[in-house]
Amino acid sequence: MGWIRLDVKTPNMTLYKLAPSVKKSLTGGENLPYKGVRLHAYSLKFPVVDGPCSLVDWNRVQMANWTRLVGCECGLTVEKTTRHVIIHADEILSEDPNEATLLAILECLRLARLLEEKFRMKLGTPKLLRKPHYAVSDPVARWFTEFMELSSDVGKMDQSEGAGEIDFFDAELAKEYLVMPLRMLGLQGDMAEVKDVLKTFGVAMREHMSLIRGLQAVAEQMKTLIHELRMNGKNSGEVKAS
């Protein structure tokens, strides 16, 4: 279909490479909305150990049998349930998923200290509210999500932010995906070395086969010579006997 082209063909290996038009389609050129990851949906849940002693003047949201308080502090969305304070980190862009995680944690912890002082309460050790989303802009996802969405235990693929993204639920999975091009470049270098080795091996094999054919010719000549010597010796013996 014109998607791949033959690059190298030997008796032991056949290598192909992508056609330039297909390579551009898969990479999407350089028009990516961001580099690295977009960390979102990162929220920490802090247990309320003591307090609050001051009125929490956030919006009241009536639930089934209780009331949730929802507000905005220092630009971040915050919630208070009967026993917890939930802080939602802002969206963070970073080339390193682990760095994005650290920035989100520090952002939530910093606001937690401010809330303790403002409302005179004490918060305990936080826990993740849910799995965070490490979104990676991907040209294949942009094409794929035009037709359908995909979700699994490790992530999802959709156009919820207007661009095709792969949302990983684990920072290490996102990091592995980001370093994949570097590994492919390493493989490309390794394949180039393999091509050189195969060429050298091919030349050596041709020389080796020439040497073998030469030795075979010498062996045939030696065989013929030995046969002639034996025949001459036999004839000489018969002459003496007569």
Protein backbone atom coordinates (compact mmCIF):
# COMPACT_ATOMS: atom_id res chain seq x y z
CA MET A 1 0.00 0.00 0.00
CA GLY A 2 3.03 2.26 -0.19
CA TRP A 3 3.34 2.63 3.60
CA ILE A 4 6.71 0.91 3.90
CA ARG A 5 9.74 0.57 1.66
CA LEU A 6 12.39 -2.10 1.45
CA ASP A 7 15.61 -0.85 3.06
CA VAL A 8 17.98 -3.83 3.33
CA LYS A 9 17.56 -7.43 2.21
CA THR A 10 20.05 -10.18 2.98
CA PRO A 11 19.70 -13.98 3.15
CA ASN A 12 19.29 -13.66 6.94
CA MET A 13 17.42 -10.39 7.42
CA THR A 14 14.98 -8.04 5.66
CA LEU A 15 14.57 -4.46 6.90
CA TYR A 16 11.87 -1.96 5.93
CA LYS A 17 11.40 1.74 6.64
CA LEU A 18 8.32 3.98 6.68
CA ALA A 19 7.52 6.06 3.64
CA PRO A 20 8.08 9.80 4.31
CA SER A 21 4.38 10.65 3.95
CA VAL A 22 3.38 7.97 6.47
CA LYS A 23 6.10 9.04 8.89
CA LYS A 24 4.77 12.61 8.82
CA SER A 25 1.22 11.38 9.37
CA LEU A 26 2.22 9.30 12.39
CA THR A 27 4.36 11.95 14.03
CA GLY A 28 1.95 14.77 13.28
CA GLY A 29 4.85 16.96 12.29
CA GLU A 30 5.91 19.30 15.10
CA ASN A 31 2.42 20.65 15.81
CA LEU A 32 1.95 19.22 19.29
CA PRO A 33 -0.06 21.25 21.83
CA TYR A 34 2.58 20.61 24.52
CA LYS A 35 5.69 18.55 25.22
CA GLY A 36 5.92 15.96 27.93
CA VAL A 37 2.85 15.33 30.06
CA ARG A 38 -0.20 17.27 31.18
CA LEU A 39 -0.99 16.21 34.73
CA HIS A 40 -4.63 16.75 35.66
CA ALA A 41 -7.24 15.25 37.99
CA TYR A 42 -4.65 15.20 40.79
CA SER A 43 -6.40 15.56 44.16
CA LEU A 44 -5.35 14.93 47.74
CA LYS A 45 -7.76 14.07 50.55
CA PHE A 46 -6.77 15.31 54.04
CA PRO A 47 -8.50 13.95 57.12
CA VAL A 48 -9.72 16.65 59.51
CA VAL A 49 -8.00 15.92 62.83
CA ASP A 50 -9.27 18.98 64.72
CA GLY A 51 -11.51 21.97 63.98
CA PRO A 52 -12.29 24.04 62.08
CA CYS A 53 -12.75 26.77 64.65
CA SER A 54 -13.64 29.42 62.05
CA LEU A 55 -16.55 29.47 59.64
CA VAL A 56 -15.77 27.82 56.30
CA ASP A 57 -17.52 30.23 53.95
CA TRP A 58 -17.61 28.06 50.86
CA ASN A 59 -20.58 27.22 48.67
CA ARG A 60 -22.90 24.63 50.10
CA VAL A 61 -23.78 21.68 47.86
CA GLN A 62 -26.60 19.53 49.17
CA MET A 63 -25.94 15.79 48.90
CA ALA A 64 -28.31 12.93 49.75
CA ASN A 65 -27.97 13.06 53.54
CA TRP A 66 -25.27 15.66 54.09
CA THR A 67 -23.82 18.92 52.78
CA ARG A 68 -20.57 19.32 50.88
CA LEU A 69 -18.73 22.64 50.91
CA VAL A 70 -17.02 23.69 47.66
CA GLY A 71 -14.83 26.76 47.26
CA CYS A 72 -11.78 28.29 45.64
CA GLU A 73 -8.65 29.15 47.59
CA CYS A 74 -5.50 30.58 46.01
CA GLY A 75 -6.83 29.59 42.58
CA LEU A 76 -7.40 25.93 43.50
CA THR A 77 -10.72 24.14 43.92
CA VAL A 78 -11.25 22.87 47.46
CA GLU A 79 -13.96 20.78 49.09
CA LYS A 80 -14.92 19.90 52.62
CA THR A 81 -16.90 16.84 53.57
CA THR A 82 -17.91 15.81 57.07
CA ARG A 83 -14.47 14.33 57.81
CA HIS A 84 -12.11 15.43 55.04
CA VAL A 85 -10.75 18.41 53.13
CA ILE A 86 -10.06 17.74 49.46
CA ILE A 87 -7.63 19.88 47.47
CA HIS A 88 -7.58 19.66 43.67
CA ALA A 89 -4.21 20.59 42.16
CA ASP A 90 -4.03 22.81 39.12
CA GLU A 91 -3.18 21.43 35.70
CA ILE A 92 0.58 21.03 35.41
CA LEU A 93 2.70 20.71 32.25
CA SER A 94 6.12 19.13 32.53
CA GLU A 95 8.53 17.07 30.46
CA ASP A 96 8.93 14.69 33.42
CA PRO A 97 5.85 12.94 34.93
CA ASN A 98 7.61 12.58 38.29
CA GLU A 99 8.38 16.30 38.38
CA ALA A 100 4.73 17.05 37.59
CA THR A 101 3.67 14.80 40.47
CA LEU A 102 6.04 16.54 42.88
CA LEU A 103 4.79 19.99 41.85
CA ALA A 104 1.17 18.90 42.33
CA ILE A 105 1.92 17.48 45.79
CA LEU A 106 3.76 20.63 46.90
CA GLU A 107 0.90 22.78 45.60
CA CYS A 108 -1.65 20.81 47.63
CA LEU A 109 0.50 20.72 50.78
CA ARG A 110 1.16 24.45 50.62
CA LEU A 111 -2.56 25.22 50.38
CA ALA A 112 -3.32 22.74 53.18
CA ARG A 113 -1.06 24.72 55.54
CA LEU A 114 -2.80 27.96 54.54
CA LEU A 115 -6.22 26.40 55.18
CA GLU A 116 -5.10 25.23 58.61
CA GLU A 117 -4.13 28.78 59.52
CA LYS A 118 -7.16 30.44 57.94
CA PHE A 119 -9.82 28.20 59.47
CA ARG A 120 -7.88 27.20 62.60
CA MET A 121 -7.98 23.47 62.02
CA LYS A 122 -5.53 20.58 61.86
CA LEU A 123 -5.28 18.26 58.86
CA GLY A 124 -3.77 14.79 58.89
CA THR A 125 -1.67 12.82 56.40
CA PRO A 126 -3.20 13.09 52.91
CA LYS A 127 -4.08 10.29 50.50
CA LEU A 128 -4.81 10.29 46.79
CA LEU A 129 -8.48 10.89 46.10
CA ARG A 130 -8.35 8.94 42.82
CA LYS A 131 -5.89 7.93 40.14
CA PRO A 132 -4.32 11.03 38.54
CA HIS A 133 -4.21 11.42 34.77
CA TYR A 134 -0.86 11.86 33.00
CA ALA A 135 -1.95 12.96 29.54
CA VAL A 136 0.43 12.63 26.60
CA SER A 137 -0.38 14.32 23.29
CA ASP A 138 -0.12 11.66 20.62
CA PRO A 139 -0.70 11.88 16.83
CA VAL A 140 -1.97 8.31 16.66
CA ALA A 141 -4.43 9.10 19.47
CA ARG A 142 -5.57 12.19 17.54
CA TRP A 143 -6.47 9.98 14.60
CA PHE A 144 -7.86 7.10 16.66
CA THR A 145 -10.12 9.23 18.87
CA GLU A 146 -11.88 10.70 15.85
CA PHE A 147 -13.70 7.38 15.62
CA MET A 148 -13.87 5.99 19.16
CA GLU A 149 -12.67 6.25 22.75
CA LEU A 150 -10.74 3.63 24.68
CA SER A 151 -10.46 3.02 28.43
CA SER A 152 -8.66 0.37 30.47
CA ASP A 153 -7.12 -0.19 33.89
CA VAL A 154 -3.88 1.56 32.91
CA GLY A 155 -5.30 4.58 31.08
CA LYS A 156 -7.67 5.96 28.50
CA MET A 157 -7.61 7.56 25.07
CA ASP A 158 -10.03 10.37 24.15
CA GLN A 159 -10.42 13.96 22.96
CA SER A 160 -11.79 15.38 26.21
CA GLU A 161 -9.48 18.40 25.95
CA GLY A 162 -10.02 18.95 22.23
CA ALA A 163 -6.88 17.07 21.18
CA GLY A 164 -6.11 13.39 20.99
CA GLU A 165 -4.37 12.29 24.17
CA ILE A 166 -3.39 9.12 25.96
CA ASP A 167 -4.15 9.42 29.68
CA PHE A 168 -1.95 7.17 31.80
CA PHE A 169 -2.91 6.49 35.41
CA ASP A 170 0.70 5.87 36.43
CA ALA A 171 3.66 8.26 36.18
CA GLU A 172 6.12 5.50 35.27
CA LEU A 173 3.96 4.30 32.38
CA ALA A 174 3.79 7.86 31.05
CA LYS A 175 7.56 8.19 31.39
CA GLU A 176 8.16 4.91 29.58
CA TYR A 177 5.97 6.15 26.73
CA LEU A 178 7.82 9.48 26.54
CA VAL A 179 11.27 7.85 26.32
CA MET A 180 10.12 5.45 23.62
CA PRO A 181 11.33 7.73 20.75
CA LEU A 182 14.79 7.90 22.34
CA ARG A 183 14.89 4.15 22.53
CA MET A 184 13.79 3.94 18.92
CA LEU A 185 16.65 6.26 17.97
CA GLY A 186 18.97 3.92 19.87
CA LEU A 187 17.53 0.97 17.99
CA GLN A 188 17.97 2.87 14.74
CA GLY A 189 21.65 3.34 15.58
CA ASP A 190 21.93 -0.33 16.50
CA MET A 191 20.27 -1.32 13.22
CA ALA A 192 22.72 0.87 11.31
CA GLU A 193 25.55 -0.99 13.04
CA VAL A 194 23.86 -4.28 12.18
CA LYS A 195 23.67 -3.21 8.52
CA ASP A 196 27.40 -2.42 8.53
CA VAL A 197 28.17 -5.73 10.21
CA LEU A 198 26.02 -7.59 7.68
CA LYS A 199 27.81 -5.86 4.79
CA THR A 200 31.19 -6.74 6.27
CA PHE A 201 29.98 -10.26 6.94
CA GLY A 202 28.74 -10.54 3.35
CA VAL A 203 32.12 -9.45 1.96
CA ALA A 204 33.91 -11.86 4.30
CA MET A 205 31.59 -14.69 3.29
CA ARG A 206 32.22 -14.03 -0.40
CA GLU A 207 35.97 -14.09 0.24
CA HIS A 208 35.53 -17.20 2.37
CA MET A 209 33.58 -18.95 -0.40
CA SER A 210 36.23 -17.96 -2.94
CA LEU A 211 38.87 -19.43 -0.66
CA ILE A 212 36.84 -22.63 -0.26
CA ARG A 213 36.40 -22.94 -4.03
CA GLY A 214 40.15 -22.38 -4.46
CA LEU A 215 40.94 -25.07 -1.90
CA GLN A 216 38.48 -27.42 -3.58
CA ALA A 217 40.26 -26.85 -6.89
CA VAL A 218 43.63 -27.51 -5.26
CA ALA A 219 42.24 -30.66 -3.64
CA GLU A 220 40.97 -31.90 -7.01
CA GLN A 221 44.37 -31.24 -8.56
CA MET A 222 46.09 -33.07 -5.70
CA LYS A 223 43.68 -35.96 -6.08
CA THR A 224 44.39 -36.15 -9.81
CA LEU A 225 48.14 -35.92 -9.20
CA ILE A 226 48.04 -38.70 -6.58
CA HIS A 227 46.01 -40.86 -8.89
CA GLU A 228 48.50 -40.28 -11.72
CA LEU A 229 51.45 -41.08 -9.42
CA ARG A 230 49.78 -44.30 -8.31
CA MET A 231 49.12 -45.28 -11.91
CA ASN A 232 52.70 -44.49 -12.92
CA GLY A 233 54.02 -46.52 -9.98
CA LYS A 234 51.80 -49.44 -10.90
CA ASN A 235 52.89 -49.35 -14.55
CA SER A 236 56.56 -49.19 -13.52
CA GLY A 237 56.11 -52.29 -11.33
CA GLU A 238 54.50 -54.23 -14.15
CA VAL A 239 57.35 -53.33 -16.54
CA LYS A 240 59.99 -54.57 -14.05
CA ALA A 241 58.10 -57.80 -13.47
CA SER A 242 57.98 -58.59 -17.18
